[in-house]
């Protein structure tokens, strides 16, 4: 076997070993669990709910001041 062919075979084998080592390192890194992600923040109050609460409180205030007329 000529020396140029031996060098090509050695380079190909070295490349395969490097590829397998890199794949094994990637699998080992993937096996380590990452930090747990915090839960998403709770949604804020609905604008419709706040409007309804505001209307109810306003009606109560008007009744207490005896400004609202009976329906």
PDB file of N, CA and C in Angstrom:
ATOM      1  N   UNK A   1       0.861  -1.175   0.000  1.00  0.00           N
ATOM      2  CA  UNK A   1       0.000   0.000   0.000  1.00  0.00           C
ATOM      3  C   UNK A   1       0.905   1.236   0.000  1.00  0.00           C
ATOM      4  N   UNK A   2       0.577   2.172  -0.825  1.00  0.00           N
ATOM      5  CA  UNK A   2       1.420   3.363  -0.928  1.00  0.00           C
ATOM      6  C   UNK A   2       1.147   4.315   0.248  1.00  0.00           C
ATOM      7  N   UNK A   3       2.129   5.167   0.588  1.00  0.00           N
ATOM      8  CA  UNK A   3       1.997   6.049   1.754  1.00  0.00           C
ATOM      9  C   UNK A   3       0.849   7.060   1.631  1.00  0.00           C
ATOM     10  N   UNK A   4       0.522   7.519   0.439  1.00  0.00           N
ATOM     11  CA  UNK A   4      -0.572   8.493   0.276  1.00  0.00           C
ATOM     12  C   UNK A   4      -1.905   7.850   0.634  1.00  0.00           C
ATOM     13  N   UNK A   5      -2.091   6.601   0.240  1.00  0.00           N
ATOM     14  CA  UNK A   5      -3.338   5.888   0.562  1.00  0.00           C
ATOM     15  C   UNK A   5      -3.450   5.662   2.064  1.00  0.00           C
ATOM     16  N   UNK A   6      -2.328   5.313   2.692  1.00  0.00           N
ATOM     17  CA  UNK A   6      -2.323   5.112   4.150  1.00  0.00           C
ATOM     18  C   UNK A   6      -2.715   6.403   4.872  1.00  0.00           C
ATOM     19  N   UNK A   7      -2.205   7.509   4.401  1.00  0.00           N
ATOM     20  CA  UNK A   7      -2.533   8.796   5.030  1.00  0.00           C
ATOM     21  C   UNK A   7      -4.021   9.106   4.886  1.00  0.00           C
ATOM     22  N   UNK A   8      -4.584   8.829   3.716  1.00  0.00           N
ATOM     23  CA  UNK A   8      -6.017   9.081   3.508  1.00  0.00           C
ATOM     24  C   UNK A   8      -6.868   8.191   4.407  1.00  0.00           C
ATOM     25  N   UNK A   9      -6.478   6.927   4.526  1.00  0.00           N
ATOM     26  CA  UNK A   9      -7.233   6.007   5.397  1.00  0.00           C
ATOM     27  C   UNK A   9      -7.113   6.450   6.845  1.00  0.00           C
ATOM     28  N   UNK A  10      -5.914   6.840   7.275  1.00  0.00           N
ATOM     29  CA  UNK A  10      -5.714   7.299   8.650  1.00  0.00           C
ATOM     30  C   UNK A  10      -6.530   8.570   8.916  1.00  0.00           C
ATOM     31  N   UNK A  11      -6.588   9.475   7.941  1.00  0.00           N
ATOM     32  CA  UNK A  11      -7.370  10.703   8.113  1.00  0.00           C
ATOM     33  C   UNK A  11      -8.855  10.390   8.197  1.00  0.00           C
ATOM     34  N   UNK A  12      -9.320   9.435   7.391  1.00  0.00           N
ATOM     35  CA  UNK A  12     -10.739   9.067   7.422  1.00  0.00           C
ATOM     36  C   UNK A  12     -11.101   8.425   8.757  1.00  0.00           C
ATOM     37  N   UNK A  13     -10.236   7.537   9.252  1.00  0.00           N
ATOM     38  CA  UNK A  13     -10.499   6.876  10.538  1.00  0.00           C
ATOM     39  C   UNK A  13     -10.460   7.907  11.668  1.00  0.00           C
ATOM     40  N   UNK A  14      -9.509   8.813  11.643  1.00  0.00           N
ATOM     41  CA  UNK A  14      -9.431   9.849  12.675  1.00  0.00           C
ATOM     42  C   UNK A  14     -10.668  10.742  12.637  1.00  0.00           C
ATOM     43  N   UNK A  15     -11.158  11.029  11.439  1.00  0.00           N
ATOM     44  CA  UNK A  15     -12.369  11.829  11.314  1.00  0.00           C
ATOM     45  C   UNK A  15     -13.576  11.122  11.895  1.00  0.00           C
ATOM     46  N   UNK A  16     -13.687   9.822  11.662  1.00  0.00           N
ATOM     47  CA  UNK A  16     -14.795   9.048  12.240  1.00  0.00           C
ATOM     48  C   UNK A  16     -14.732   9.034  13.760  1.00  0.00           C
ATOM     49  N   UNK A  17     -13.523   8.804  14.301  1.00  0.00           N
ATOM     50  CA  UNK A  17     -13.388   8.811  15.764  1.00  0.00           C
ATOM     51  C   UNK A  17     -13.762  10.171  16.348  1.00  0.00           C
ATOM     52  N   UNK A  18     -13.356  11.247  15.710  1.00  0.00           N
ATOM     53  CA  UNK A  18     -13.702  12.590  16.188  1.00  0.00           C
ATOM     54  C   UNK A  18     -15.206  12.809  16.118  1.00  0.00           C
ATOM     55  N   UNK A  19     -15.823  12.304  15.041  1.00  0.00           N
ATOM     56  CA  UNK A  19     -17.277  12.437  14.906  1.00  0.00           C
ATOM     57  C   UNK A  19     -18.003  11.693  16.020  1.00  0.00           C
ATOM     58  N   UNK A  20     -17.558  10.448  16.300  1.00  0.00           N
ATOM     59  CA  UNK A  20     -18.210   9.658  17.348  1.00  0.00           C
ATOM     60  C   UNK A  20     -18.003  10.268  18.732  1.00  0.00           C
ATOM     61  N   UNK A  21     -16.819  10.803  18.984  1.00  0.00           N
ATOM     62  CA  UNK A  21     -16.572  11.458  20.276  1.00  0.00           C
ATOM     63  C   UNK A  21     -17.449  12.696  20.432  1.00  0.00           C
ATOM     64  N   UNK A  22     -17.615  13.464  19.385  1.00  0.00           N
ATOM     65  CA  UNK A  22     -18.452  14.659  19.434  1.00  0.00           C
ATOM     66  C   UNK A  22     -19.920  14.290  19.651  1.00  0.00           C
ATOM     67  N   UNK A  23     -20.384  13.224  19.004  1.00  0.00           N
ATOM     68  CA  UNK A  23     -21.767  12.771  19.183  1.00  0.00           C
ATOM     69  C   UNK A  23     -21.989  12.281  20.604  1.00  0.00           C
ATOM     70  N   UNK A  24     -21.003  11.559  21.166  1.00  0.00           N
ATOM     71  CA  UNK A  24     -21.128  11.075  22.543  1.00  0.00           C
ATOM     72  C   UNK A  24     -21.149  12.245  23.529  1.00  0.00           C
ATOM     73  N   UNK A  25     -20.346  13.267  23.270  1.00  0.00           N
ATOM     74  CA  UNK A  25     -20.332  14.440  24.146  1.00  0.00           C
ATOM     75  C   UNK A  25     -21.658  15.186  24.069  1.00  0.00           C
ATOM     76  N   UNK A  26     -22.241  15.245  22.877  1.00  0.00           N
ATOM     77  CA  UNK A  26     -23.539  15.918  22.732  1.00  0.00           C
ATOM     78  C   UNK A  26     -24.627  15.149  23.467  1.00  0.00           C
ATOM     79  N   UNK A  27     -24.600  13.830  23.416  1.00  0.00           N
ATOM     80  CA  UNK A  27     -25.591  13.033  24.138  1.00  0.00           C
ATOM     81  C   UNK A  27     -25.418  13.178  25.635  1.00  0.00           C
ATOM     82  N   UNK A  28     -24.177  13.235  26.098  1.00  0.00           N
ATOM     83  CA  UNK A  28     -23.931  13.401  27.530  1.00  0.00           C
ATOM     84  C   UNK A  28     -24.426  14.763  28.008  1.00  0.00           C
ATOM     85  N   UNK A  29     -24.250  15.780  27.178  1.00  0.00           N
ATOM     86  CA  UNK A  29     -24.716  17.115  27.554  1.00  0.00           C
ATOM     87  C   UNK A  29     -26.240  17.174  27.553  1.00  0.00           C
ATOM     88  N   UNK A  30     -26.872  16.427  26.640  1.00  0.00           N
ATOM     89  CA  UNK A  30     -28.338  16.424  26.572  1.00  0.00           C
ATOM     90  C   UNK A  30     -28.934  15.632  27.730  1.00  0.00           C
ATOM     91  N   UNK A  31     -28.180  14.681  28.286  1.00  0.00           N
ATOM     92  CA  UNK A  31     -28.694  13.869  29.389  1.00  0.00           C
ATOM     93  C   UNK A  31     -28.760  14.660  30.687  1.00  0.00           C
ATOM     94  N   UNK A  32     -27.970  15.725  30.808  1.00  0.00           N
ATOM     95  CA  UNK A  32     -27.987  16.544  32.019  1.00  0.00           C
ATOM     96  C   UNK A  32     -29.257  17.388  32.005  1.00  0.00           C
ATOM     97  N   UNK A  33     -30.098  17.260  33.030  1.00  0.00           N
ATOM     98  CA  UNK A  33     -31.346  18.050  33.015  1.00  0.00           C
ATOM     99  C   UNK A  33     -31.045  19.533  33.204  1.00  0.00           C
ATOM    100  N   UNK A  34     -31.721  20.324  32.445  1.00  0.00           N
ATOM    101  CA  UNK A  34     -31.568  21.775  32.559  1.00  0.00           C
ATOM    102  C   UNK A  34     -32.364  22.263  33.760  1.00  0.00           C
ATOM    103  N   UNK A  35     -32.141  23.501  34.143  1.00  0.00           N
ATOM    104  CA  UNK A  35     -32.893  24.070  35.256  1.00  0.00           C
ATOM    105  C   UNK A  35     -34.368  24.106  34.885  1.00  0.00           C
ATOM    106  N   UNK A  36     -35.229  23.770  35.833  1.00  0.00           N
ATOM    107  CA  UNK A  36     -36.666  23.812  35.504  1.00  0.00           C
ATOM    108  C   UNK A  36     -37.105  25.240  35.211  1.00  0.00           C
ATOM    109  N   UNK A  37     -37.929  25.363  34.208  1.00  0.00           N
ATOM    110  CA  UNK A  37     -38.412  26.693  33.845  1.00  0.00           C
ATOM    111  C   UNK A  37     -39.503  27.113  34.818  1.00  0.00           C
ATOM    112  N   UNK A  38     -39.519  28.346  35.226  1.00  0.00           N
ATOM    113  CA  UNK A  38     -40.568  28.788  36.154  1.00  0.00           C
ATOM    114  C   UNK A  38     -41.921  28.784  35.453  1.00  0.00           C
ATOM    115  N   UNK A  39     -42.977  28.602  36.212  1.00  0.00           N
ATOM    116  CA  UNK A  39     -44.301  28.606  35.577  1.00  0.00           C
ATOM    117  C   UNK A  39     -44.605  29.986  35.011  1.00  0.00           C
ATOM    118  N   UNK A  40     -45.429  30.038  33.986  1.00  0.00           N
ATOM    119  CA  UNK A  40     -45.753  31.346  33.410  1.00  0.00           C
ATOM    120  C   UNK A  40     -46.531  32.190  34.419  1.00  0.00           C
ATOM    121  N   UNK A  41     -46.384  33.497  34.359  1.00  0.00           N
ATOM    122  CA  UNK A  41     -47.096  34.340  35.325  1.00  0.00           C
ATOM    123  C   UNK A  41     -48.607  34.228  35.135  1.00  0.00           C
ATOM    124  N   UNK A  42     -49.313  34.396  36.227  1.00  0.00           N
ATOM    125  CA  UNK A  42     -50.773  34.326  36.177  1.00  0.00           C
ATOM    126  C   UNK A  42     -51.303  35.516  35.374  1.00  0.00           C
ATOM    127  N   UNK A  43     -52.353  35.295  34.609  1.00  0.00           N
ATOM    128  CA  UNK A  43     -52.897  36.415  33.836  1.00  0.00           C
ATOM    129  C   UNK A  43     -53.490  37.465  34.767  1.00  0.00           C
ATOM    130  N   UNK A  44     -53.438  38.703  34.341  1.00  0.00           N
ATOM    131  CA  UNK A  44     -53.974  39.798  35.129  1.00  0.00           C
ATOM    132  C   UNK A  44     -55.497  39.806  35.085  1.00  0.00           C
ATOM    133  N   UNK A  45     -56.096  40.695  35.836  1.00  0.00           N
ATOM    134  CA  UNK A  45     -57.563  40.744  35.842  1.00  0.00           C
ATOM    135  C   UNK A  45     -58.104  41.200  34.487  1.00  0.00           C
ATOM    136  N   UNK A  46     -59.264  40.692  34.163  1.00  0.00           N
ATOM    137  CA  UNK A  46     -59.899  41.029  32.896  1.00  0.00           C
ATOM    138  C   UNK A  46     -60.441  42.456  32.954  1.00  0.00           C
ATOM    139  N   UNK A  47     -60.347  43.151  31.845  1.00  0.00           N
ATOM    140  CA  UNK A  47     -60.876  44.516  31.788  1.00  0.00           C
ATOM    141  C   UNK A  47     -62.393  44.503  31.958  1.00  0.00           C
ATOM    142  N   UNK A  48     -63.057  43.478  31.416  1.00  0.00           N
ATOM    143  CA  UNK A  48     -64.512  43.389  31.549  1.00  0.00           C
ATOM    144  C   UNK A  48     -64.896  43.154  33.006  1.00  0.00           C
ATOM    145  N   UNK A  49     -64.135  42.332  33.712  1.00  0.00           N
ATOM    146  CA  UNK A  49     -64.435  42.073  35.116  1.00  0.00           C
ATOM    147  C   UNK A  49     -64.254  43.343  35.946  1.00  0.00           C
ATOM    148  N   UNK A  50     -63.196  44.086  35.662  1.00  0.00           N
ATOM    149  CA  UNK A  50     -62.970  45.331  36.405  1.00  0.00           C
ATOM    150  C   UNK A  50     -64.072  46.349  36.130  1.00  0.00           C
ATOM    151  N   UNK A  51     -64.531  46.413  34.896  1.00  0.00           N
ATOM    152  CA  UNK A  51     -65.602  47.348  34.554  1.00  0.00           C
ATOM    153  C   UNK A  51     -66.895  46.975  35.270  1.00  0.00           C
ATOM    154  N   UNK A  52     -67.216  45.686  35.288  1.00  0.00           N
ATOM    155  CA  UNK A  52     -68.421  45.237  35.979  1.00  0.00           C
ATOM    156  C   UNK A  52     -68.354  45.502  37.470  1.00  0.00           C
ATOM    157  N   UNK A  53     -67.194  45.267  38.065  1.00  0.00           N
ATOM    158  CA  UNK A  53     -67.032  45.534  39.497  1.00  0.00           C
ATOM    159  C   UNK A  53     -67.162  47.020  39.777  1.00  0.00           C
ATOM    160  N   UNK A  54     -66.590  47.833  38.913  1.00  0.00           N
ATOM    161  CA  UNK A  54     -66.677  49.276  39.091  1.00  0.00           C
ATOM    162  C   UNK A  54     -68.139  49.737  39.020  1.00  0.00           C
ATOM    163  N   UNK A  55     -68.897  49.222  38.054  1.00  0.00           N
ATOM    164  CA  UNK A  55     -70.302  49.595  37.920  1.00  0.00           C
ATOM    165  C   UNK A  55     -71.102  49.178  39.154  1.00  0.00           C
ATOM    166  N   UNK A  56     -70.831  47.975  39.663  1.00  0.00           N
ATOM    167  CA  UNK A  56     -71.555  47.515  40.854  1.00  0.00           C
ATOM    168  C   UNK A  56     -71.235  48.395  42.064  1.00  0.00           C
ATOM    169  N   UNK A  57     -69.982  48.759  42.213  1.00  0.00           N
ATOM    170  CA  UNK A  57     -69.608  49.612  43.344  1.00  0.00           C
ATOM    171  C   UNK A  57     -70.215  51.012  43.194  1.00  0.00           C
ATOM    172  N   UNK A  58     -70.254  51.527  41.973  1.00  0.00           N
ATOM    173  CA  UNK A  58     -70.839  52.840  41.739  1.00  0.00           C
ATOM    174  C   UNK A  58     -72.337  52.835  42.051  1.00  0.00           C
ATOM    175  N   UNK A  59     -73.035  51.771  41.632  1.00  0.00           N
ATOM    176  CA  UNK A  59     -74.462  51.667  41.922  1.00  0.00           C
ATOM    177  C   UNK A  59     -74.695  51.608  43.429  1.00  0.00           C
ATOM    178  N   UNK A  60     -73.859  50.858  44.141  1.00  0.00           N
ATOM    179  CA  UNK A  60     -74.010  50.789  45.599  1.00  0.00           C
ATOM    180  C   UNK A  60     -73.792  52.156  46.235  1.00  0.00           C
ATOM    181  N   UNK A  61     -72.795  52.864  45.751  1.00  0.00           N
ATOM    182  CA  UNK A  61     -72.530  54.203  46.284  1.00  0.00           C
ATOM    183  C   UNK A  61     -73.723  55.128  46.030  1.00  0.00           C
ATOM    184  N   UNK A  62     -74.288  55.048  44.822  1.00  0.00           N
ATOM    185  CA  UNK A  62     -75.441  55.897  44.511  1.00  0.00           C
ATOM    186  C   UNK A  62     -76.639  55.541  45.385  1.00  0.00           C
ATOM    187  N   UNK A  63     -76.855  54.269  45.648  1.00  0.00           N
ATOM    188  CA  UNK A  63     -77.959  53.864  46.523  1.00  0.00           C
ATOM    189  C   UNK A  63     -77.727  54.375  47.943  1.00  0.00           C
ATOM    190  N   UNK A  64     -76.477  54.316  48.397  1.00  0.00           N
ATOM    191  CA  UNK A  64     -76.194  54.795  49.754  1.00  0.00           C
ATOM    192  C   UNK A  64     -76.431  56.300  49.854  1.00  0.00           C
ATOM    193  N   UNK A  65     -76.181  57.010  48.792  1.00  0.00           N
ATOM    194  CA  UNK A  65     -76.417  58.458  48.813  1.00  0.00           C
ATOM    195  C   UNK A  65     -77.852  58.796  48.424  1.00  0.00           C
ATOM    196  N   UNK A  66     -78.627  57.790  48.089  1.00  0.00           N
ATOM    197  CA  UNK A  66     -80.029  57.930  47.708  1.00  0.00           C
ATOM    198  C   UNK A  66     -80.182  58.825  46.476  1.00  0.00           C
ATOM    199  N   UNK A  67     -79.221  58.660  45.560  1.00  0.00           N
ATOM    200  CA  UNK A  67     -79.288  59.434  44.330  1.00  0.00           C
ATOM    201  C   UNK A  67     -79.923  58.621  43.232  1.00  0.00           C
ATOM    202  N   UNK A  68     -79.713  57.310  43.240  1.00  0.00           N
ATOM    203  CA  UNK A  68     -80.252  56.468  42.176  1.00  0.00           C
ATOM    204  C   UNK A  68     -81.773  56.374  42.322  1.00  0.00           C
ATOM    205  N   UNK A  69     -82.431  56.355  41.216  1.00  0.00           N
ATOM    206  CA  UNK A  69     -83.885  56.231  41.238  1.00  0.00           C
ATOM    207  C   UNK A  69     -84.251  54.761  41.146  1.00  0.00           C
ATOM    208  N   UNK A  70     -85.294  54.346  41.826  1.00  0.00           N
ATOM    209  CA  UNK A  70     -85.700  52.948  41.719  1.00  0.00           C
ATOM    210  C   UNK A  70     -86.161  52.638  40.314  1.00  0.00           C
ATOM    211  N   UNK A  71     -85.852  51.475  39.868  1.00  0.00           N
ATOM    212  CA  UNK A  71     -86.199  51.105  38.501  1.00  0.00           C
ATOM    213  C   UNK A  71     -87.631  50.690  38.348  1.00  0.00           C
TER     214      UNK A  71
END
